[in-house]
Protein backbone atom coordinates (compact mmCIF):
# COMPACT_ATOMS: atom_id res chain seq x y z
CA MET A 1 -10.62 -18.17 -6.87
CA ILE A 2 -11.35 -14.72 -5.74
CA VAL A 3 -15.03 -15.55 -6.44
CA ARG A 4 -14.80 -18.82 -4.32
CA VAL A 5 -13.10 -17.03 -1.51
CA ALA A 6 -15.86 -13.97 -1.50
CA ILE A 7 -18.64 -16.51 -1.51
CA LEU A 8 -17.07 -18.53 1.38
CA VAL A 9 -16.48 -15.48 3.58
CA LEU A 10 -20.04 -14.07 2.77
CA CYS A 11 -21.52 -17.47 3.92
CA VAL A 12 -19.31 -17.32 7.35
CA ALA A 13 -20.58 -13.93 7.90
CA VAL A 14 -24.30 -14.58 7.37
CA GLN A 15 -24.06 -18.00 9.22
CA GLY A 16 -22.31 -16.21 11.91
CA ARG A 17 -24.27 -13.15 12.73
CA GLY A 18 -26.78 -14.19 15.40
CA SER A 19 -27.88 -11.91 17.97
CA PRO A 20 -25.65 -8.96 18.73
CA MET A 21 -24.43 -8.67 22.39
CA ALA A 22 -25.48 -12.39 22.87
CA THR A 23 -21.92 -13.49 22.59
CA THR A 24 -18.83 -12.15 24.36
CA TYR A 25 -15.69 -12.61 22.20
CA ASP A 26 -12.05 -13.07 23.35
CA THR A 27 -11.14 -10.32 20.83
CA ILE A 28 -12.70 -8.05 18.18
CA ILE A 29 -10.60 -7.25 15.36
CA VAL A 30 -11.45 -4.05 13.33
CA GLY A 31 -10.17 -4.45 9.61
CA LEU A 32 -9.50 -7.43 7.75
CA GLY A 33 -6.31 -6.27 5.77
CA PRO A 34 -3.05 -8.23 6.08
CA ALA A 35 -2.63 -7.06 9.82
CA GLY A 36 -6.30 -7.86 10.75
CA CYS A 37 -6.08 -11.45 8.97
CA THR A 38 -2.67 -12.29 10.50
CA ALA A 39 -4.02 -11.37 14.13
CA ALA A 40 -7.37 -13.19 13.53
CA SER A 41 -5.34 -16.29 12.18
CA THR A 42 -2.93 -16.28 15.02
CA LEU A 43 -5.49 -15.84 17.83
CA ALA A 44 -7.97 -18.31 16.23
CA GLN A 45 -5.18 -21.09 16.11
CA ALA A 46 -4.53 -20.34 19.82
CA GLY A 47 -8.16 -21.23 20.51
CA LYS A 48 -9.72 -17.80 20.95
CA LYS A 49 -13.02 -16.78 20.02
CA ILE A 50 -12.71 -14.08 17.70
CA LEU A 51 -15.00 -11.58 15.91
CA ALA A 52 -13.61 -9.82 12.91
CA LEU A 53 -15.47 -6.68 11.51
CA GLU A 54 -14.79 -5.36 8.08
CA ALA A 55 -16.33 -2.11 6.57
CA GLN A 56 -16.13 -3.27 3.09
CA ASN A 57 -17.63 -6.06 1.23
CA ARG A 58 -14.43 -7.90 0.84
CA ILE A 59 -11.22 -9.07 2.83
CA GLY A 60 -7.92 -7.62 1.94
CA GLY A 61 -7.66 -3.91 2.95
CA ARG A 62 -5.13 -2.28 0.69
CA VAL A 63 -4.41 -5.64 -1.21
CA LYS A 64 -7.08 -5.65 -3.83
CA THR A 65 -6.92 -8.46 -6.46
CA VAL A 66 -9.47 -8.09 -9.35
CA PRO A 67 -10.07 -10.35 -12.40
CA PHE A 68 -9.20 -8.32 -15.46
CA GLY A 69 -8.41 -8.85 -19.15
CA ASP A 70 -6.92 -12.15 -19.60
CA GLY A 71 -6.00 -12.79 -16.02
CA VAL A 72 -5.84 -10.59 -12.67
CA ILE A 73 -4.24 -7.42 -11.70
CA GLU A 74 -3.43 -5.62 -8.39
CA LEU A 75 -5.18 -2.35 -7.73
CA GLY A 76 -3.16 -2.22 -4.54
CA ALA A 77 -0.15 -3.97 -3.30
CA GLU A 78 1.71 -5.10 -6.08
CA TRP A 79 4.89 -7.17 -4.85
CA ILE A 80 6.49 -9.06 -2.10
CA HIS A 81 9.25 -6.69 -1.15
CA GLY A 82 12.14 -8.92 0.06
CA THR A 83 12.20 -12.70 0.91
CA HIS A 84 13.91 -12.80 4.39
CA PRO A 85 12.74 -12.63 6.83
CA SER A 86 9.24 -12.32 5.38
CA ARG A 87 6.08 -13.86 6.82
CA VAL A 88 4.38 -13.28 3.41
CA TYR A 89 7.02 -15.01 1.33
CA ASP A 90 7.30 -17.79 3.71
CA LEU A 91 3.56 -18.52 3.61
CA ALA A 92 3.47 -18.56 -0.05
CA ILE A 93 6.43 -21.10 -0.06
CA LYS A 94 5.22 -23.22 2.58
CA ASN A 95 1.85 -23.46 0.78
CA ASN A 96 3.63 -24.36 -2.61
CA VAL A 97 2.38 -21.17 -4.24
CA SER A 98 4.63 -20.11 -6.90
CA ILE A 99 6.21 -16.59 -6.61
CA ILE A 100 7.93 -15.06 -9.60
CA SER A 101 10.55 -12.35 -9.56
CA GLN A 102 9.46 -9.49 -11.95
CA ASN A 103 12.54 -7.78 -13.73
CA LEU A 104 11.60 -4.17 -13.98
CA GLY A 105 14.65 -3.27 -16.15
CA PHE A 106 13.13 -0.33 -18.18
CA GLU A 107 13.32 1.32 -21.50
CA ALA A 108 12.66 5.31 -21.57
CA TYR A 109 11.24 7.34 -24.13
CA ARG A 110 11.05 11.08 -24.50
CA SER A 111 7.82 13.20 -24.80
CA ASN A 112 9.06 14.38 -28.37
CA GLY A 113 8.70 10.53 -29.60
CA THR A 114 12.32 9.89 -29.66
CA LYS A 115 14.18 7.21 -27.26
CA ALA A 116 15.70 8.65 -24.19
CA ASP A 117 19.10 7.75 -23.06
CA THR A 118 18.15 4.62 -21.00
CA ALA A 119 21.68 3.86 -19.94
CA LEU A 120 22.19 7.31 -18.43
CA ILE A 121 18.83 7.59 -16.85
CA ASN A 122 19.30 4.19 -15.04
CA GLU A 123 22.78 4.96 -14.13
CA LEU A 124 21.52 8.13 -12.40
CA PHE A 125 18.45 6.19 -10.69
CA GLU A 126 20.94 3.55 -9.38
CA TYR A 127 23.00 6.55 -8.00
CA THR A 128 19.92 7.90 -6.51
CA LEU A 129 19.10 4.93 -4.71
CA GLU A 130 22.70 4.51 -3.54
CA VAL A 131 23.10 8.01 -2.05
CA GLN A 132 19.93 7.32 -0.04
CA GLU A 133 21.83 4.84 1.82
CA HIS A 134 24.33 7.63 3.19
CA PRO A 135 22.06 10.25 4.39
CA PRO A 136 23.60 13.50 5.79
CA GLU A 137 23.99 13.83 9.45
CA THR A 138 21.50 16.61 9.82
CA PRO A 139 17.95 15.58 8.21
CA GLN A 140 17.06 17.33 5.20
CA PRO A 141 14.37 17.05 2.45
CA LEU A 142 15.37 13.98 0.50
CA GLY A 143 14.97 15.90 -2.86
CA GLN A 144 17.18 18.77 -1.85
CA PHE A 145 19.87 16.02 -0.84
CA ILE A 146 19.55 14.02 -4.10
CA THR A 147 19.61 17.22 -6.27
CA THR A 148 22.98 18.29 -4.75
CA LYS A 149 24.53 14.71 -5.20
CA ILE A 150 23.15 14.33 -8.60
CA LYS A 151 24.77 17.62 -9.73
CA GLU A 152 28.04 16.56 -8.11
CA TYR A 153 28.01 13.26 -9.91
CA LEU A 154 27.15 14.50 -13.23
CA GLY A 155 30.02 17.23 -12.88
CA GLU A 156 32.31 14.36 -12.18
CA LYS A 157 31.08 11.68 -14.54
CA HIS A 158 29.18 13.62 -17.16
CA PRO A 159 30.16 17.30 -17.34
CA ASP A 160 28.77 17.74 -20.68
CA VAL A 161 25.42 16.98 -19.41
CA LEU A 162 25.60 19.24 -16.46
CA LYS A 163 26.01 22.30 -19.00
CA ASP A 164 22.44 21.65 -20.37
CA LYS A 165 20.27 23.17 -17.67
CA ASP A 166 17.00 22.18 -19.30
CA TYR A 167 18.20 18.74 -19.54
CA VAL A 168 19.27 18.55 -15.69
CA ASP A 169 15.94 19.92 -14.78
CA GLU A 170 14.39 17.09 -16.94
CA ILE A 171 16.32 14.46 -15.23
CA LEU A 172 15.55 15.73 -11.89
CA HIS A 173 11.81 15.93 -12.50
CA PHE A 174 11.92 12.32 -13.60
CA LEU A 175 13.92 11.27 -10.52
CA ASP A 176 11.41 13.22 -8.51
CA LEU A 177 8.63 11.18 -9.90
CA LEU A 178 10.36 8.09 -9.35
CA VAL A 179 11.13 8.77 -5.64
CA ASP A 180 7.45 9.67 -5.24
CA ASN A 181 6.22 6.43 -6.73
CA TYR A 182 8.29 4.59 -4.27
CA GLU A 183 7.35 6.75 -1.25
CA ALA A 184 3.85 7.48 -2.03
CA SER A 185 4.85 11.08 -1.49
CA ASN A 186 3.76 14.23 -3.63
CA SER A 187 7.30 15.62 -3.79
CA TRP A 188 10.61 14.22 -2.85
CA ASN A 189 11.02 17.29 -0.97
CA ASP A 190 8.23 15.99 1.39
CA VAL A 191 10.42 12.93 2.37
CA THR A 192 13.15 12.92 4.70
CA THR A 193 16.67 11.75 4.34
CA GLN A 194 16.60 10.25 7.92
CA THR A 195 14.15 7.33 7.41
CA HIS A 196 13.85 4.39 9.76
CA TYR A 197 12.81 2.04 6.95
CA VAL A 198 14.71 -1.12 6.52
CA ASP A 199 14.79 -3.38 3.20
CA LEU A 200 14.36 -6.98 3.76
CA GLU A 201 17.05 -9.41 2.25
CA GLY A 202 16.17 -10.64 -1.09
CA ASP A 203 14.36 -9.87 -4.39
CA GLN A 204 12.36 -6.65 -3.79
CA HIS A 205 9.84 -7.17 -6.53
CA MET A 206 8.32 -10.72 -6.11
CA SER A 207 4.92 -11.25 -7.86
CA TRP A 208 2.07 -13.41 -7.03
CA HIS A 209 1.42 -13.34 -10.58
CA ARG A 210 -1.83 -15.04 -11.78
CA ASN A 211 -2.37 -16.50 -8.31
CA GLY A 212 -3.03 -13.06 -7.05
CA TYR A 213 -2.06 -11.28 -3.93
CA SER A 214 -5.50 -12.30 -2.51
CA THR A 215 -3.96 -15.77 -2.21
CA LEU A 216 -2.42 -14.62 0.96
CA PHE A 217 -5.88 -14.16 2.90
CA ASP A 218 -6.86 -17.74 1.80
CA ILE A 219 -3.84 -18.90 3.53
CA LEU A 220 -4.12 -16.74 6.59
CA LEU A 221 -7.71 -17.66 7.04
CA ASN A 222 -7.25 -21.38 6.41
CA THR A 223 -9.53 -21.34 3.23
CA TYR A 224 -6.84 -21.99 0.80
CA LYS A 225 -7.66 -24.88 -1.39
CA GLY A 226 -10.91 -25.58 0.03
CA GLY A 227 -9.61 -25.22 3.63
CA PRO A 228 -12.37 -25.37 6.26
CA GLY A 229 -11.48 -21.87 7.80
CA TYR A 230 -11.35 -21.56 11.60
CA PRO A 231 -14.59 -22.42 13.42
CA ASN A 232 -13.75 -20.07 16.43
CA LEU A 233 -13.31 -17.20 13.93
CA GLU A 234 -16.53 -15.29 13.01
CA ILE A 235 -16.26 -12.83 9.96
CA GLN A 236 -18.81 -10.07 9.12
CA LEU A 237 -18.35 -7.90 6.27
CA ASN A 238 -19.99 -4.57 5.36
CA LYS A 239 -19.79 -3.76 9.16
CA GLU A 240 -18.53 -0.36 9.66
CA VAL A 241 -17.31 0.29 13.26
CA VAL A 242 -18.23 3.82 14.42
CA LEU A 243 -17.46 3.63 18.17
CA ILE A 244 -15.03 1.60 20.53
CA GLU A 245 -15.65 2.23 24.29
CA TRP A 246 -12.94 0.78 26.22
CA PRO A 247 -13.19 0.65 29.92
CA THR A 248 -10.17 1.31 32.56
CA ASP A 249 -12.25 -1.04 34.85
CA PRO A 250 -10.65 -4.50 34.60
CA GLU A 251 -14.28 -6.01 35.27
CA GLN A 252 -15.82 -4.52 32.40
CA LEU A 253 -15.95 -5.32 28.69
CA VAL A 254 -15.04 -3.45 25.54
CA THR A 255 -17.88 -2.41 23.49
CA VAL A 256 -17.84 -2.06 19.71
CA SER A 257 -20.75 -0.28 17.97
CA CYS A 258 -21.34 -0.45 14.30
CA LYS A 259 -22.99 1.92 11.80
CA ASP A 260 -25.99 -0.24 11.27
CA GLY A 261 -26.74 -0.19 15.20
CA THR A 262 -25.32 -3.46 16.24
CA LYS A 263 -22.93 -3.77 19.15
CA TYR A 264 -20.54 -6.50 20.22
CA THR A 265 -18.61 -6.89 23.44
CA ALA A 266 -15.16 -8.36 24.01
CA ASN A 267 -12.28 -8.52 26.41
CA ASN A 268 -10.13 -6.56 23.97
CA VAL A 269 -10.13 -5.17 20.45
CA ILE A 270 -7.21 -4.96 17.95
CA VAL A 271 -7.79 -1.87 15.46
CA THR A 272 -6.03 -2.38 12.13
CA VAL A 273 -7.75 0.49 9.95
CA SER A 274 -5.30 2.66 7.89
CA LEU A 275 -3.73 5.96 9.31
CA GLY A 276 -5.69 7.78 6.91
CA VAL A 277 -8.93 6.46 8.46
CA LEU A 278 -7.34 7.25 12.02
CA LYS A 279 -6.56 10.85 10.78
CA GLU A 280 -10.01 11.37 9.74
CA ARG A 281 -12.09 9.70 12.65
CA HIS A 282 -10.14 9.03 15.66
CA SER A 283 -11.79 11.86 17.84
CA ALA A 284 -15.13 10.36 17.21
CA LEU A 285 -14.19 6.70 17.11
CA PHE A 286 -12.89 6.14 20.70
CA THR A 287 -14.18 6.61 24.21
CA PRO A 288 -12.38 7.68 26.20
CA THR A 289 -10.71 9.53 23.82
CA LEU A 290 -6.96 8.67 22.70
CA PRO A 291 -3.96 9.95 24.84
CA GLN A 292 -2.10 12.87 23.26
CA THR A 293 1.07 10.84 22.30
CA LYS A 294 -1.00 8.81 20.13
CA VAL A 295 -3.07 11.73 18.62
CA THR A 296 0.42 13.42 17.85
CA ALA A 297 1.50 10.26 16.17
CA ILE A 298 -1.76 10.11 14.09
CA ASN A 299 -1.14 13.66 12.94
CA LYS A 300 2.36 13.67 12.30
CA ILE A 301 3.01 10.51 10.35
CA ALA A 302 2.56 10.99 6.61
CA MET A 303 -0.30 9.01 4.82
CA GLY A 304 0.86 8.55 1.22
CA LEU A 305 -0.95 7.81 -2.03
CA ILE A 306 -0.20 5.98 -5.21
CA GLY A 307 -2.69 5.77 -8.19
CA LYS A 308 -3.04 3.22 -10.79
CA ALA A 309 -4.80 3.07 -14.14
CA ILE A 310 -4.84 -0.10 -15.83
CA PHE A 311 -5.50 -0.82 -19.47
CA HIS A 312 -6.38 -3.96 -21.09
CA PHE A 313 -5.49 -4.35 -24.93
CA ASP A 314 -6.52 -7.05 -27.36
CA VAL A 315 -3.03 -7.56 -28.45
CA LYS A 316 0.52 -7.20 -26.70
CA TRP A 317 1.84 -4.40 -28.95
CA TRP A 318 4.87 -3.38 -26.78
CA ARG A 319 8.32 -4.96 -26.73
CA ALA A 320 8.08 -8.54 -25.08
CA ASP A 321 11.51 -8.29 -23.41
CA ARG A 322 10.60 -5.06 -21.39
CA GLU A 323 8.23 -4.93 -18.36
CA ALA A 324 8.62 -1.35 -17.48
CA PHE A 325 8.62 1.75 -19.64
CA TYR A 326 9.43 5.24 -18.09
CA LEU A 327 8.27 8.61 -19.68
CA PHE A 328 10.96 11.30 -19.65
CA TRP A 329 9.22 14.54 -20.00
CA LEU A 330 11.02 17.38 -21.87
CA LYS A 331 10.59 20.81 -20.42
CA GLY A 332 7.46 22.79 -21.15
CA ASP A 333 6.40 19.54 -23.35
CA GLY A 334 2.95 18.77 -21.71
CA LEU A 335 -0.28 17.89 -23.67
CA SER A 336 -1.60 21.29 -23.44
CA LYS A 337 -1.35 24.72 -21.54
CA ASN A 338 -4.85 23.75 -19.74
CA GLU A 339 -4.14 23.45 -16.22
CA THR A 340 -6.67 20.53 -16.04
CA ASP A 341 -4.02 18.67 -17.89
CA ASP A 342 -1.10 19.34 -15.67
CA TRP A 343 -1.36 15.97 -14.27
CA THR A 344 -0.49 14.09 -17.23
CA THR A 345 3.24 15.17 -16.87
CA ASP A 346 3.47 13.62 -13.61
CA ILE A 347 2.68 10.10 -14.92
CA VAL A 348 6.10 8.51 -14.52
CA GLY A 349 5.56 5.45 -16.74
CA TYR A 350 3.94 2.12 -16.88
CA THR A 351 4.68 -1.70 -16.06
CA VAL A 352 3.44 -4.89 -17.35
CA PRO A 353 1.61 -6.61 -14.51
CA LYS A 354 2.62 -10.40 -14.24
CA GLY A 355 -1.02 -11.46 -13.63
CA CYS A 356 -2.14 -10.06 -17.00
CA GLU A 357 -0.19 -10.41 -20.06
CA LYS A 358 -2.16 -7.74 -22.34
CA CYS A 359 -2.44 -5.25 -19.56
CA LEU A 360 -0.35 -2.10 -18.66
CA THR A 361 -0.30 -0.35 -15.32
CA PHE A 362 0.15 3.31 -15.34
CA TRP A 363 1.45 4.84 -12.06
CA MET A 364 0.70 8.23 -10.68
CA LYS A 365 1.94 10.11 -7.37
CA TYR A 366 -0.18 11.80 -4.92
CA ASP A 367 -1.89 14.76 -6.28
CA THR A 368 -2.13 13.33 -9.70
CA ALA A 369 -3.79 10.05 -8.24
CA LYS A 370 -6.31 12.18 -6.21
CA MET A 371 -7.35 13.99 -9.58
CA VAL A 372 -7.57 10.79 -11.65
CA GLU A 373 -9.86 9.22 -9.04
CA LYS A 374 -12.38 12.09 -9.66
CA LEU A 375 -12.04 12.48 -13.33
CA PRO A 376 -14.60 10.96 -15.84
CA GLU A 377 -13.43 7.62 -17.09
CA ASP A 378 -13.44 8.52 -20.81
CA VAL A 379 -11.21 11.64 -19.94
CA VAL A 380 -8.66 9.53 -18.18
CA LYS A 381 -8.54 6.88 -20.90
CA ARG A 382 -8.37 9.53 -23.73
CA LYS A 383 -5.45 11.62 -21.92
CA ILE A 384 -3.39 8.45 -21.04
CA MET A 385 -3.85 7.10 -24.62
CA GLU A 386 -2.77 10.55 -25.95
CA ILE A 387 0.44 10.26 -23.64
CA LEU A 388 1.11 6.80 -24.93
CA ARG A 389 1.00 7.82 -28.54
CA LYS A 390 2.99 10.92 -27.91
CA PHE A 391 5.75 9.11 -26.40
CA LEU A 392 5.93 5.77 -28.29
CA GLY A 393 3.60 6.28 -31.38
CA LYS A 394 6.75 6.41 -33.66
CA HIS A 395 8.01 3.15 -32.44
CA PHE A 396 4.70 1.04 -31.97
CA THR A 397 1.31 0.76 -33.71
CA ILE A 398 -0.82 1.42 -30.54
CA PRO A 399 -4.42 0.09 -30.51
CA GLU A 400 -7.34 1.46 -28.30
CA PRO A 401 -7.64 -0.36 -25.22
CA VAL A 402 -10.60 -2.57 -24.57
CA ALA A 403 -11.19 -1.86 -20.80
CA MET A 404 -9.64 0.33 -18.08
CA ILE A 405 -9.83 0.03 -14.48
CA ARG A 406 -8.26 2.53 -11.74
CA SER A 407 -7.75 2.68 -8.15
CA ASP A 408 -9.40 4.92 -5.41
CA TRP A 409 -7.54 4.49 -2.40
CA HIS A 410 -7.91 8.34 -1.46
CA SER A 411 -11.71 8.62 -2.31
CA ASN A 412 -12.29 5.34 -0.41
CA PRO A 413 -13.56 6.26 3.04
CA PHE A 414 -12.00 3.01 4.51
CA THR A 415 -8.44 3.82 3.47
CA ARG A 416 -7.93 7.41 2.64
CA GLY A 417 -4.46 6.61 0.93
CA SER A 418 -2.06 3.85 0.19
CA TYR A 419 0.76 3.67 2.76
CA THR A 420 2.83 5.67 5.00
CA TYR A 421 6.21 7.08 4.56
CA ASP A 422 8.75 9.36 6.70
CA ASN A 423 8.04 12.78 6.04
CA VAL A 424 10.52 15.82 6.83
CA ASP A 425 8.96 16.01 10.23
CA ALA A 426 9.54 12.25 11.01
CA PRO A 427 12.99 13.07 12.64
CA LYS A 428 11.42 15.38 15.21
CA TYR A 429 9.02 12.58 16.12
CA PRO A 430 11.22 9.56 16.13
CA ASP A 431 9.03 7.42 18.29
CA ALA A 432 5.55 8.38 16.42
CA ARG A 433 5.16 4.85 15.08
CA ILE A 434 5.90 3.30 18.50
CA HIS A 435 3.33 5.53 20.03
CA LEU A 436 0.79 4.59 17.48
CA GLY A 437 1.48 1.05 18.06
CA GLU A 438 1.09 1.16 21.82
CA PRO A 439 -2.00 -0.37 23.41
CA LEU A 440 -4.50 1.17 25.48
CA LEU A 441 -4.36 -0.30 29.08
CA ASP A 442 -6.92 -0.55 31.96
CA SER A 443 -6.18 0.14 35.55
CA ALA A 444 -4.96 -3.17 35.92
CA GLY A 445 -2.31 -2.69 33.08
CA LYS A 446 -4.02 -5.07 30.85
CA PRO A 447 -4.35 -4.20 27.09
CA ARG A 448 -7.88 -3.33 25.99
CA VAL A 449 -7.35 -1.60 22.63
CA LEU A 450 -4.63 -2.71 20.50
CA PHE A 451 -3.16 -1.14 17.22
CA ALA A 452 -1.83 -2.91 14.23
CA GLY A 453 -1.15 -2.01 10.54
CA GLU A 454 1.79 -0.91 8.39
CA ALA A 455 1.87 2.42 10.01
CA THR A 456 2.71 0.96 13.25
CA ASP A 457 5.94 -0.78 12.21
CA PRO A 458 9.03 1.25 13.00
CA THR A 459 11.08 -0.25 10.06
CA HIS A 460 8.88 -2.05 7.80
CA PHE A 461 6.01 0.57 7.15
CA SER A 462 4.32 0.95 3.84
CA THR A 463 4.48 -3.05 3.19
CA VAL A 464 2.33 -6.04 3.24
CA HIS A 465 4.97 -8.01 5.39
CA GLY A 466 5.26 -5.02 7.83
CA ALA A 467 1.45 -5.16 8.21
CA THR A 468 1.35 -8.78 8.78
CA ASP A 469 4.23 -8.42 11.44
CA THR A 470 2.32 -6.10 13.25
CA GLY A 471 -0.91 -8.17 13.36
CA TYR A 472 1.28 -11.10 14.69
CA ARG A 473 2.85 -8.69 17.29
CA GLU A 474 -0.48 -7.62 18.76
CA ALA A 475 -1.90 -11.22 18.85
CA MET A 476 1.09 -12.37 20.57
CA ARG A 477 0.71 -9.51 23.05
CA LEU A 478 -2.58 -11.23 24.14
CA LEU A 479 -1.31 -14.71 24.43
CA PRO A 480 0.73 -16.27 27.05
CA VAL A 481 4.37 -15.92 26.65
CA THR A 482 4.59 -19.90 26.42
CA SER A 483 2.47 -19.65 23.09
CA LYS A 484 4.22 -20.72 19.87
CA ILE A 485 2.07 -19.83 16.80
């Protein structure tokens, strides 16, 4: 399916190139991730002439489904988080695409090779999630808040555990890693207790499994099951945008310049690039430059990072009734005293991807993910296998993997991270995401540059459904109030 979509899109791109500047579009969309594809689809269905420019050689943004092992794996977004109200879930169901709930009930192992107290760890993890629903009135670092609450809880429920300081420290390190892998933060003390994020109703871990998350883009672009696409939507891949010139004069057009020298004009442009890209390039990307409120938002909102290393094995050697395994590091029990191995103690565990039965996905927080992106593949593979055997070698016969693949969201110049989170500065800038999503207007008050993407959603940032909602939001900003798409 992925190959078919790629060929179809490439054909559209080649056929639609024509002569730059020869055509004026209603809207140019920069970036074809969930937000860009949703905006493109919405406007195309309304009859608008759309040009979509994507810097990479594929559609999907931070969703990246890859054929691997005996199926497919997700190097980016893994799950649909919640089912109502979810544009993503609804599109899957409407198109009869099966979506499977993934049970992430886990088993935990200690770094000395023994089984951890999974029941206690799960109890404390559930309590960690629960206390976040009742933050203190005065914002504080999330880790600081949880640490206080966990110690109070242990004193009340498990006083013997609280007496073992090393064990408590190990528990807190483990919970820190879990929070970081949810938030995409480097430390739970980088995250604020006063977040505006709101969960959707329903299951938080719905998987596209062997269909692959990329199916979403087939549906959005009307190419699912051989669909014809949209004749008024022109898609061009490998088109890195380097300059957006937006006029304040209502009679002038927006000009979008690409790295290859081509230029395109339109009435307006929707920018859907990641916050990481805006942080790196906004000062050179827009003429006139962005207003200070938007620059402040770009600087103050935190761009997070989650890393994955995915192994494929010839056999499924782990317990078939478990889809998540957590690694509980004992104090001072790293692989070695070598500083280059410090990252190994920040791997929180692994899950079994629903799209590949003989694969394991190892999850890494911010700094660890950055390091693993740069290390030689053989080093990453050897160290992770050493970790596996250290924790589980007494319980399983673990073969060598036959293949490994890893994410590169930080080193990728067109993403520079995974998704955003509310850091400790967020309470000082409560309207930052709103400011980030505000359009740039000409002197007549018409939007000329619009902004979409997960970072611009005040309550559903960090998710694919949040990104798609913002794409729809900006498309509808350009359509008559009476439009119903």
